[in-house]
């Protein structure tokens, strides 16, 4: 008689096995700390480094960080409110003509 066992490793593709370490909790924590440290380092460099800009407001501390964040937020909001009007469909779009009544 054979016994059936449902091991979760049985459902993993063999080519994916070498990359299973990427799901480790310690790696996710380290990535957060590394990215946070990089952000703090870049903020410190922005305070110390003197830039020669063409426009006066671009010399403000954190200008490029705020400009990038604002541009990203504008792009996301544009996708939500403007592009959705052109590409969005009603919630029951696919069920209207189903004929499965």
PDB file of N, CA and C in Angstrom:
ATOM      1  N   UNK A   1       0.819  -1.172   0.000  1.00  0.00           N
ATOM      2  CA  UNK A   1       0.000   0.000   0.000  1.00  0.00           C
ATOM      3  C   UNK A   1       0.869   1.243   0.000  1.00  0.00           C
ATOM      4  N   UNK A   2       0.499   2.159  -0.823  1.00  0.00           N
ATOM      5  CA  UNK A   2       1.261   3.408  -0.852  1.00  0.00           C
ATOM      6  C   UNK A   2       0.540   4.465  -0.030  1.00  0.00           C
ATOM      7  N   UNK A   3       1.290   5.223   0.641  1.00  0.00           N
ATOM      8  CA  UNK A   3       0.711   6.314   1.430  1.00  0.00           C
ATOM      9  C   UNK A   3       0.872   7.610   0.647  1.00  0.00           C
ATOM     10  N   UNK A   4      -0.172   8.357   0.635  1.00  0.00           N
ATOM     11  CA  UNK A   4      -0.120   9.633  -0.056  1.00  0.00           C
ATOM     12  C   UNK A   4       0.230  10.722   0.943  1.00  0.00           C
ATOM     13  N   UNK A   5       1.159  11.558   0.529  1.00  0.00           N
ATOM     14  CA  UNK A   5       1.508  12.704   1.361  1.00  0.00           C
ATOM     15  C   UNK A   5       1.488  13.941   0.475  1.00  0.00           C
ATOM     16  N   UNK A   6       1.032  15.013   1.030  1.00  0.00           N
ATOM     17  CA  UNK A   6       0.933  16.258   0.280  1.00  0.00           C
ATOM     18  C   UNK A   6       1.999  17.209   0.817  1.00  0.00           C
ATOM     19  N   UNK A   7       3.161  17.098   0.251  1.00  0.00           N
ATOM     20  CA  UNK A   7       4.257  17.968   0.637  1.00  0.00           C
ATOM     21  C   UNK A   7       4.199  19.216  -0.223  1.00  0.00           C
ATOM     22  N   UNK A   8       4.331  20.391   0.384  1.00  0.00           N
ATOM     23  CA  UNK A   8       4.212  21.625  -0.393  1.00  0.00           C
ATOM     24  C   UNK A   8       5.373  21.783  -1.376  1.00  0.00           C
ATOM     25  N   UNK A   9       6.488  21.110  -1.134  1.00  0.00           N
ATOM     26  CA  UNK A   9       7.607  21.177  -2.061  1.00  0.00           C
ATOM     27  C   UNK A   9       7.360  20.374  -3.340  1.00  0.00           C
ATOM     28  N   UNK A  10       6.350  19.522  -3.335  1.00  0.00           N
ATOM     29  CA  UNK A  10       6.042  18.743  -4.527  1.00  0.00           C
ATOM     30  C   UNK A  10       5.465  19.609  -5.643  1.00  0.00           C
ATOM     31  N   UNK A  11       4.925  20.766  -5.302  1.00  0.00           N
ATOM     32  CA  UNK A  11       4.270  21.626  -6.274  1.00  0.00           C
ATOM     33  C   UNK A  11       5.182  22.746  -6.762  1.00  0.00           C
ATOM     34  N   UNK A  12       6.459  22.693  -6.460  1.00  0.00           N
ATOM     35  CA  UNK A  12       7.402  23.727  -6.866  1.00  0.00           C
ATOM     36  C   UNK A  12       8.170  23.242  -8.086  1.00  0.00           C
ATOM     37  N   UNK A  13       8.248  24.097  -9.070  1.00  0.00           N
ATOM     38  CA  UNK A  13       8.972  23.748 -10.298  1.00  0.00           C
ATOM     39  C   UNK A  13      10.460  23.584  -9.984  1.00  0.00           C
ATOM     40  N   UNK A  14      11.133  22.618 -10.582  1.00  0.00           N
ATOM     41  CA  UNK A  14      12.547  22.377 -10.277  1.00  0.00           C
ATOM     42  C   UNK A  14      13.447  23.578 -10.566  1.00  0.00           C
ATOM     43  N   UNK A  15      13.121  24.364 -11.583  1.00  0.00           N
ATOM     44  CA  UNK A  15      13.941  25.537 -11.872  1.00  0.00           C
ATOM     45  C   UNK A  15      13.729  26.671 -10.877  1.00  0.00           C
ATOM     46  N   UNK A  16      12.650  26.608 -10.097  1.00  0.00           N
ATOM     47  CA  UNK A  16      12.376  27.633  -9.102  1.00  0.00           C
ATOM     48  C   UNK A  16      13.039  27.336  -7.767  1.00  0.00           C
ATOM     49  N   UNK A  17      13.430  26.100  -7.544  1.00  0.00           N
ATOM     50  CA  UNK A  17      13.998  25.717  -6.245  1.00  0.00           C
ATOM     51  C   UNK A  17      15.236  26.523  -5.839  1.00  0.00           C
ATOM     52  N   UNK A  18      16.164  26.844  -6.757  1.00  0.00           N
ATOM     53  CA  UNK A  18      17.329  27.629  -6.328  1.00  0.00           C
ATOM     54  C   UNK A  18      16.983  29.046  -5.860  1.00  0.00           C
ATOM     55  N   UNK A  19      15.790  29.522  -6.173  1.00  0.00           N
ATOM     56  CA  UNK A  19      15.420  30.886  -5.821  1.00  0.00           C
ATOM     57  C   UNK A  19      14.486  30.965  -4.615  1.00  0.00           C
ATOM     58  N   UNK A  20      14.268  29.868  -3.910  1.00  0.00           N
ATOM     59  CA  UNK A  20      13.373  29.858  -2.758  1.00  0.00           C
ATOM     60  C   UNK A  20      13.899  30.710  -1.605  1.00  0.00           C
ATOM     61  N   UNK A  21      15.189  30.964  -1.561  1.00  0.00           N
ATOM     62  CA  UNK A  21      15.750  31.781  -0.491  1.00  0.00           C
ATOM     63  C   UNK A  21      15.271  33.228  -0.597  1.00  0.00           C
ATOM     64  N   UNK A  22      14.757  33.635  -1.749  1.00  0.00           N
ATOM     65  CA  UNK A  22      14.269  35.000  -1.909  1.00  0.00           C
ATOM     66  C   UNK A  22      12.986  35.258  -1.125  1.00  0.00           C
ATOM     67  N   UNK A  23      12.312  34.203  -0.668  1.00  0.00           N
ATOM     68  CA  UNK A  23      11.092  34.356   0.115  1.00  0.00           C
ATOM     69  C   UNK A  23      11.352  34.390   1.616  1.00  0.00           C
ATOM     70  N   UNK A  24      12.593  34.347   2.027  1.00  0.00           N
ATOM     71  CA  UNK A  24      12.918  34.312   3.455  1.00  0.00           C
ATOM     72  C   UNK A  24      12.562  35.639   4.124  1.00  0.00           C
ATOM     73  N   UNK A  25      12.058  35.562   5.351  1.00  0.00           N
ATOM     74  CA  UNK A  25      11.674  36.768   6.090  1.00  0.00           C
ATOM     75  C   UNK A  25      12.877  37.645   6.399  1.00  0.00           C
ATOM     76  N   UNK A  26      14.015  37.034   6.666  1.00  0.00           N
ATOM     77  CA  UNK A  26      15.198  37.824   6.993  1.00  0.00           C
ATOM     78  C   UNK A  26      15.628  38.676   5.810  1.00  0.00           C
ATOM     79  N   UNK A  27      15.445  38.182   4.595  1.00  0.00           N
ATOM     80  CA  UNK A  27      15.826  38.938   3.408  1.00  0.00           C
ATOM     81  C   UNK A  27      14.929  40.157   3.226  1.00  0.00           C
ATOM     82  N   UNK A  28      13.644  39.979   3.470  1.00  0.00           N
ATOM     83  CA  UNK A  28      12.717  41.108   3.361  1.00  0.00           C
ATOM     84  C   UNK A  28      13.050  42.177   4.388  1.00  0.00           C
ATOM     85  N   UNK A  29      13.392  41.780   5.599  1.00  0.00           N
ATOM     86  CA  UNK A  29      13.758  42.751   6.631  1.00  0.00           C
ATOM     87  C   UNK A  29      15.039  43.483   6.265  1.00  0.00           C
ATOM     88  N   UNK A  30      16.006  42.760   5.769  1.00  0.00           N
ATOM     89  CA  UNK A  30      17.279  43.387   5.389  1.00  0.00           C
ATOM     90  C   UNK A  30      17.063  44.369   4.247  1.00  0.00           C
ATOM     91  N   UNK A  31      16.202  44.026   3.293  1.00  0.00           N
ATOM     92  CA  UNK A  31      15.935  44.932   2.176  1.00  0.00           C
ATOM     93  C   UNK A  31      15.329  46.246   2.661  1.00  0.00           C
ATOM     94  N   UNK A  32      14.428  46.179   3.633  1.00  0.00           N
ATOM     95  CA  UNK A  32      13.821  47.395   4.174  1.00  0.00           C
ATOM     96  C   UNK A  32      14.891  48.247   4.846  1.00  0.00           C
ATOM     97  N   UNK A  33      15.765  47.631   5.646  1.00  0.00           N
ATOM     98  CA  UNK A  33      16.807  48.392   6.333  1.00  0.00           C
ATOM     99  C   UNK A  33      17.826  48.970   5.356  1.00  0.00           C
ATOM    100  N   UNK A  34      18.191  48.214   4.332  1.00  0.00           N
ATOM    101  CA  UNK A  34      19.163  48.701   3.342  1.00  0.00           C
ATOM    102  C   UNK A  34      18.584  49.878   2.558  1.00  0.00           C
ATOM    103  N   UNK A  35      17.345  49.763   2.119  1.00  0.00           N
ATOM    104  CA  UNK A  35      16.723  50.861   1.387  1.00  0.00           C
ATOM    105  C   UNK A  35      16.518  52.085   2.277  1.00  0.00           C
ATOM    106  N   UNK A  36      16.176  51.875   3.530  1.00  0.00           N
ATOM    107  CA  UNK A  36      16.046  52.992   4.471  1.00  0.00           C
ATOM    108  C   UNK A  36      17.372  53.691   4.707  1.00  0.00           C
ATOM    109  N   UNK A  37      18.441  52.908   4.879  1.00  0.00           N
ATOM    110  CA  UNK A  37      19.766  53.489   5.075  1.00  0.00           C
ATOM    111  C   UNK A  37      20.214  54.252   3.825  1.00  0.00           C
ATOM    112  N   UNK A  38      19.911  53.707   2.648  1.00  0.00           N
ATOM    113  CA  UNK A  38      20.263  54.400   1.404  1.00  0.00           C
ATOM    114  C   UNK A  38      19.504  55.720   1.287  1.00  0.00           C
ATOM    115  N   UNK A  39      18.235  55.728   1.678  1.00  0.00           N
ATOM    116  CA  UNK A  39      17.449  56.962   1.632  1.00  0.00           C
ATOM    117  C   UNK A  39      18.010  57.998   2.603  1.00  0.00           C
ATOM    118  N   UNK A  40      18.380  57.572   3.800  1.00  0.00           N
ATOM    119  CA  UNK A  40      18.972  58.506   4.762  1.00  0.00           C
ATOM    120  C   UNK A  40      20.320  59.029   4.283  1.00  0.00           C
ATOM    121  N   UNK A  41      21.127  58.178   3.693  1.00  0.00           N
ATOM    122  CA  UNK A  41      22.418  58.599   3.172  1.00  0.00           C
ATOM    123  C   UNK A  41      22.251  59.620   2.047  1.00  0.00           C
ATOM    124  N   UNK A  42      21.330  59.364   1.149  1.00  0.00           N
ATOM    125  CA  UNK A  42      21.090  60.308   0.057  1.00  0.00           C
ATOM    126  C   UNK A  42      20.522  61.629   0.573  1.00  0.00           C
ATOM    127  N   UNK A  43      19.684  61.580   1.605  1.00  0.00           N
ATOM    128  CA  UNK A  43      19.171  62.812   2.201  1.00  0.00           C
ATOM    129  C   UNK A  43      20.297  63.608   2.849  1.00  0.00           C
ATOM    130  N   UNK A  44      21.216  62.921   3.505  1.00  0.00           N
ATOM    131  CA  UNK A  44      22.368  63.590   4.120  1.00  0.00           C
ATOM    132  C   UNK A  44      23.260  64.213   3.049  1.00  0.00           C
ATOM    133  N   UNK A  45      23.489  63.503   1.982  1.00  0.00           N
ATOM    134  CA  UNK A  45      24.295  64.045   0.887  1.00  0.00           C
ATOM    135  C   UNK A  45      23.614  65.262   0.273  1.00  0.00           C
ATOM    136  N   UNK A  46      22.294  65.234   0.188  1.00  0.00           N
ATOM    137  CA  UNK A  46      21.556  66.367  -0.358  1.00  0.00           C
ATOM    138  C   UNK A  46      21.719  67.604   0.518  1.00  0.00           C
ATOM    139  N   UNK A  47      21.824  67.429   1.828  1.00  0.00           N
ATOM    140  CA  UNK A  47      22.012  68.563   2.738  1.00  0.00           C
ATOM    141  C   UNK A  47      23.430  69.113   2.609  1.00  0.00           C
ATOM    142  N   UNK A  48      24.408  68.240   2.454  1.00  0.00           N
ATOM    143  CA  UNK A  48      25.815  68.659   2.452  1.00  0.00           C
ATOM    144  C   UNK A  48      26.266  69.164   1.084  1.00  0.00           C
ATOM    145  N   UNK A  49      25.848  68.524   0.027  1.00  0.00           N
ATOM    146  CA  UNK A  49      26.344  68.818  -1.315  1.00  0.00           C
ATOM    147  C   UNK A  49      25.770  70.139  -1.843  1.00  0.00           C
ATOM    148  N   UNK A  50      26.619  70.986  -2.364  1.00  0.00           N
ATOM    149  CA  UNK A  50      26.186  72.255  -2.935  1.00  0.00           C
ATOM    150  C   UNK A  50      25.981  72.072  -4.435  1.00  0.00           C
ATOM    151  N   UNK A  51      24.766  72.410  -4.896  1.00  0.00           N
ATOM    152  CA  UNK A  51      24.444  72.270  -6.311  1.00  0.00           C
ATOM    153  C   UNK A  51      24.409  73.632  -6.982  1.00  0.00           C
ATOM    154  N   UNK A  52      24.770  73.654  -8.248  1.00  0.00           N
ATOM    155  CA  UNK A  52      24.679  74.859  -9.065  1.00  0.00           C
ATOM    156  C   UNK A  52      23.539  74.654 -10.044  1.00  0.00           C
ATOM    157  N   UNK A  53      22.397  75.238  -9.751  1.00  0.00           N
ATOM    158  CA  UNK A  53      21.194  75.058 -10.556  1.00  0.00           C
ATOM    159  C   UNK A  53      20.888  76.323 -11.342  1.00  0.00           C
ATOM    160  N   UNK A  54      20.115  76.153 -12.397  1.00  0.00           N
ATOM    161  CA  UNK A  54      19.692  77.292 -13.210  1.00  0.00           C
ATOM    162  C   UNK A  54      18.561  78.069 -12.557  1.00  0.00           C
ATOM    163  N   UNK A  55      17.691  77.377 -11.861  1.00  0.00           N
ATOM    164  CA  UNK A  55      16.579  78.035 -11.188  1.00  0.00           C
ATOM    165  C   UNK A  55      16.785  77.946  -9.684  1.00  0.00           C
ATOM    166  N   UNK A  56      16.377  78.978  -8.969  1.00  0.00           N
ATOM    167  CA  UNK A  56      16.671  79.083  -7.535  1.00  0.00           C
ATOM    168  C   UNK A  56      15.944  78.019  -6.706  1.00  0.00           C
ATOM    169  N   UNK A  57      14.693  77.700  -7.033  1.00  0.00           N
ATOM    170  CA  UNK A  57      13.941  76.765  -6.203  1.00  0.00           C
ATOM    171  C   UNK A  57      14.473  75.333  -6.291  1.00  0.00           C
ATOM    172  N   UNK A  58      15.269  75.017  -7.302  1.00  0.00           N
ATOM    173  CA  UNK A  58      15.829  73.667  -7.414  1.00  0.00           C
ATOM    174  C   UNK A  58      16.962  73.438  -6.421  1.00  0.00           C
ATOM    175  N   UNK A  59      17.443  74.503  -5.767  1.00  0.00           N
ATOM    176  CA  UNK A  59      18.501  74.342  -4.763  1.00  0.00           C
ATOM    177  C   UNK A  59      17.931  73.992  -3.392  1.00  0.00           C
ATOM    178  N   UNK A  60      16.619  73.976  -3.247  1.00  0.00           N
ATOM    179  CA  UNK A  60      16.003  73.650  -1.964  1.00  0.00           C
ATOM    180  C   UNK A  60      16.316  72.206  -1.580  1.00  0.00           C
ATOM    181  N   UNK A  61      16.491  71.993  -0.303  1.00  0.00           N
ATOM    182  CA  UNK A  61      16.801  70.652   0.194  1.00  0.00           C
ATOM    183  C   UNK A  61      15.636  69.713  -0.074  1.00  0.00           C
ATOM    184  N   UNK A  62      15.917  68.602  -0.717  1.00  0.00           N
ATOM    185  CA  UNK A  62      14.903  67.599  -1.008  1.00  0.00           C
ATOM    186  C   UNK A  62      14.035  67.937  -2.206  1.00  0.00           C
ATOM    187  N   UNK A  63      14.429  68.914  -3.015  1.00  0.00           N
ATOM    188  CA  UNK A  63      13.608  69.316  -4.153  1.00  0.00           C
ATOM    189  C   UNK A  63      13.361  68.152  -5.105  1.00  0.00           C
ATOM    190  N   UNK A  64      14.393  67.431  -5.469  1.00  0.00           N
ATOM    191  CA  UNK A  64      14.228  66.347  -6.446  1.00  0.00           C
ATOM    192  C   UNK A  64      13.439  65.175  -5.867  1.00  0.00           C
ATOM    193  N   UNK A  65      13.527  64.949  -4.578  1.00  0.00           N
ATOM    194  CA  UNK A  65      12.728  63.899  -3.947  1.00  0.00           C
ATOM    195  C   UNK A  65      11.247  64.273  -3.995  1.00  0.00           C
ATOM    196  N   UNK A  66      10.924  65.512  -3.636  1.00  0.00           N
ATOM    197  CA  UNK A  66       9.533  65.961  -3.681  1.00  0.00           C
ATOM    198  C   UNK A  66       9.014  66.037  -5.111  1.00  0.00           C
ATOM    199  N   UNK A  67       9.861  66.472  -6.031  1.00  0.00           N
ATOM    200  CA  UNK A  67       9.455  66.548  -7.434  1.00  0.00           C
ATOM    201  C   UNK A  67       9.136  65.143  -7.974  1.00  0.00           C
ATOM    202  N   UNK A  68       9.978  64.179  -7.668  1.00  0.00           N
ATOM    203  CA  UNK A  68       9.744  62.804  -8.105  1.00  0.00           C
ATOM    204  C   UNK A  68       8.500  62.214  -7.483  1.00  0.00           C
ATOM    205  N   UNK A  69       8.309  62.444  -6.190  1.00  0.00           N
ATOM    206  CA  UNK A  69       7.111  61.927  -5.520  1.00  0.00           C
ATOM    207  C   UNK A  69       5.854  62.559  -6.100  1.00  0.00           C
ATOM    208  N   UNK A  70       5.894  63.858  -6.323  1.00  0.00           N
ATOM    209  CA  UNK A  70       4.742  64.549  -6.894  1.00  0.00           C
ATOM    210  C   UNK A  70       4.433  64.064  -8.301  1.00  0.00           C
ATOM    211  N   UNK A  71       5.460  63.840  -9.101  1.00  0.00           N
ATOM    212  CA  UNK A  71       5.257  63.348 -10.470  1.00  0.00           C
ATOM    213  C   UNK A  71       4.649  61.950 -10.459  1.00  0.00           C
ATOM    214  N   UNK A  72       5.137  61.102  -9.568  1.00  0.00           N
ATOM    215  CA  UNK A  72       4.601  59.748  -9.462  1.00  0.00           C
ATOM    216  C   UNK A  72       3.150  59.784  -9.006  1.00  0.00           C
ATOM    217  N   UNK A  73       2.858  60.609  -7.999  1.00  0.00           N
ATOM    218  CA  UNK A  73       1.482  60.718  -7.509  1.00  0.00           C
ATOM    219  C   UNK A  73       0.559  61.254  -8.599  1.00  0.00           C
ATOM    220  N   UNK A  74       1.033  62.208  -9.381  1.00  0.00           N
ATOM    221  CA  UNK A  74       0.239  62.742 -10.486  1.00  0.00           C
ATOM    222  C   UNK A  74      -0.032  61.672 -11.536  1.00  0.00           C
ATOM    223  N   UNK A  75       0.953  60.849 -11.828  1.00  0.00           N
ATOM    224  CA  UNK A  75       0.763  59.774 -12.801  1.00  0.00           C
ATOM    225  C   UNK A  75      -0.244  58.747 -12.293  1.00  0.00           C
ATOM    226  N   UNK A  76      -0.180  58.404 -11.015  1.00  0.00           N
ATOM    227  CA  UNK A  76      -1.122  57.435 -10.447  1.00  0.00           C
ATOM    228  C   UNK A  76      -2.530  58.008 -10.435  1.00  0.00           C
ATOM    229  N   UNK A  77      -2.666  59.246  -9.997  1.00  0.00           N
ATOM    230  CA  UNK A  77      -3.990  59.870  -9.976  1.00  0.00           C
ATOM    231  C   UNK A  77      -4.544  60.034 -11.390  1.00  0.00           C
ATOM    232  N   UNK A  78      -3.683  60.332 -12.346  1.00  0.00           N
ATOM    233  CA  UNK A  78      -4.124  60.420 -13.733  1.00  0.00           C
ATOM    234  C   UNK A  78      -4.649  59.088 -14.227  1.00  0.00           C
ATOM    235  N   UNK A  79      -4.015  58.012 -13.809  1.00  0.00           N
ATOM    236  CA  UNK A  79      -4.501  56.688 -14.185  1.00  0.00           C
ATOM    237  C   UNK A  79      -5.833  56.366 -13.551  1.00  0.00           C
ATOM    238  N   UNK A  80      -6.001  56.778 -12.305  1.00  0.00           N
ATOM    239  CA  UNK A  80      -7.251  56.476 -11.612  1.00  0.00           C
ATOM    240  C   UNK A  80      -8.415  57.280 -12.156  1.00  0.00           C
ATOM    241  N   UNK A  81      -8.209  58.571 -12.353  1.00  0.00           N
ATOM    242  CA  UNK A  81      -9.341  59.444 -12.641  1.00  0.00           C
ATOM    243  C   UNK A  81      -9.513  59.765 -14.128  1.00  0.00           C
ATOM    244  N   UNK A  82      -8.444  59.854 -14.889  1.00  0.00           N
ATOM    245  CA  UNK A  82      -8.559  60.261 -16.283  1.00  0.00           C
ATOM    246  C   UNK A  82      -8.591  59.050 -17.213  1.00  0.00           C
ATOM    247  N   UNK A  83      -7.595  58.187 -17.109  1.00  0.00           N
ATOM    248  CA  UNK A  83      -7.502  57.054 -18.022  1.00  0.00           C
ATOM    249  C   UNK A  83      -8.637  56.059 -17.786  1.00  0.00           C
ATOM    250  N   UNK A  84      -9.118  55.951 -16.553  1.00  0.00           N
ATOM    251  CA  UNK A  84     -10.213  55.033 -16.259  1.00  0.00           C
ATOM    252  C   UNK A  84     -11.478  55.405 -17.035  1.00  0.00           C
ATOM    253  N   UNK A  85     -11.673  56.685 -17.299  1.00  0.00           N
ATOM    254  CA  UNK A  85     -12.853  57.119 -18.059  1.00  0.00           C
ATOM    255  C   UNK A  85     -12.824  56.564 -19.481  1.00  0.00           C
ATOM    256  N   UNK A  86     -11.624  56.434 -20.051  1.00  0.00           N
ATOM    257  CA  UNK A  86     -11.502  55.941 -21.421  1.00  0.00           C
ATOM    258  C   UNK A  86     -11.426  54.417 -21.499  1.00  0.00           C
ATOM    259  N   UNK A  87     -10.747  53.791 -20.569  1.00  0.00           N
ATOM    260  CA  UNK A  87     -10.512  52.353 -20.632  1.00  0.00           C
ATOM    261  C   UNK A  87     -11.373  51.539 -19.684  1.00  0.00           C
ATOM    262  N   UNK A  88     -11.991  52.176 -18.716  1.00  0.00           N
ATOM    263  CA  UNK A  88     -12.750  51.450 -17.709  1.00  0.00           C
ATOM    264  C   UNK A  88     -14.056  50.900 -18.246  1.00  0.00           C
ATOM    265  N   UNK A  89     -14.510  49.839 -17.673  1.00  0.00           N
ATOM    266  CA  UNK A  89     -15.776  49.206 -18.038  1.00  0.00           C
ATOM    267  C   UNK A  89     -16.647  49.103 -16.789  1.00  0.00           C
ATOM    268  N   UNK A  90     -17.954  48.934 -17.022  1.00  0.00           N
ATOM    269  CA  UNK A  90     -18.865  48.737 -15.898  1.00  0.00           C
ATOM    270  C   UNK A  90     -18.532  47.435 -15.189  1.00  0.00           C
ATOM    271  N   UNK A  91     -18.985  47.334 -13.956  1.00  0.00           N
ATOM    272  CA  UNK A  91     -18.691  46.141 -13.168  1.00  0.00           C
ATOM    273  C   UNK A  91     -19.305  44.885 -13.780  1.00  0.00           C
ATOM    274  N   UNK A  92     -20.480  45.021 -14.396  1.00  0.00           N
ATOM    275  CA  UNK A  92     -21.151  43.873 -15.002  1.00  0.00           C
ATOM    276  C   UNK A  92     -20.977  43.864 -16.524  1.00  0.00           C
ATOM    277  N   UNK A  93     -19.887  44.374 -17.025  1.00  0.00           N
ATOM    278  CA  UNK A  93     -19.650  44.494 -18.460  1.00  0.00           C
ATOM    279  C   UNK A  93     -19.722  43.147 -19.172  1.00  0.00           C
ATOM    280  N   UNK A  94     -19.123  42.122 -18.615  1.00  0.00           N
ATOM    281  CA  UNK A  94     -19.071  40.827 -19.279  1.00  0.00           C
ATOM    282  C   UNK A  94     -20.343  40.011 -19.058  1.00  0.00           C
ATOM    283  N   UNK A  95     -21.165  40.399 -18.105  1.00  0.00           N
ATOM    284  CA  UNK A  95     -22.384  39.638 -17.798  1.00  0.00           C
ATOM    285  C   UNK A  95     -23.627  40.170 -18.513  1.00  0.00           C
ATOM    286  N   UNK A  96     -23.531  41.283 -19.208  1.00  0.00           N
ATOM    287  CA  UNK A  96     -24.715  41.896 -19.809  1.00  0.00           C
ATOM    288  C   UNK A  96     -25.381  40.990 -20.841  1.00  0.00           C
ATOM    289  N   UNK A  97     -24.628  40.431 -21.740  1.00  0.00           N
ATOM    290  CA  UNK A  97     -25.185  39.624 -22.817  1.00  0.00           C
ATOM    291  C   UNK A  97     -24.866  38.139 -22.664  1.00  0.00           C
ATOM    292  N   UNK A  98     -24.767  37.690 -21.426  1.00  0.00           N
ATOM    293  CA  UNK A  98     -24.385  36.306 -21.195  1.00  0.00           C
ATOM    294  C   UNK A  98     -25.468  35.329 -21.655  1.00  0.00           C
ATOM    295  N   UNK A  99     -26.713  35.663 -21.438  1.00  0.00           N
ATOM    296  CA  UNK A  99     -27.795  34.774 -21.838  1.00  0.00           C
ATOM    297  C   UNK A  99     -27.882  33.523 -20.989  1.00  0.00           C
ATOM    298  N   UNK A 100     -27.268  33.519 -19.815  1.00  0.00           N
ATOM    299  CA  UNK A 100     -27.286  32.349 -18.939  1.00  0.00           C
ATOM    300  C   UNK A 100     -28.446  32.382 -17.955  1.00  0.00           C
ATOM    301  N   UNK A 101     -29.384  33.286 -18.154  1.00  0.00           N
ATOM    302  CA  UNK A 101     -30.469  33.450 -17.188  1.00  0.00           C
ATOM    303  C   UNK A 101     -31.195  32.195 -17.073  1.00  0.00           C
TER     304      UNK A 101
END
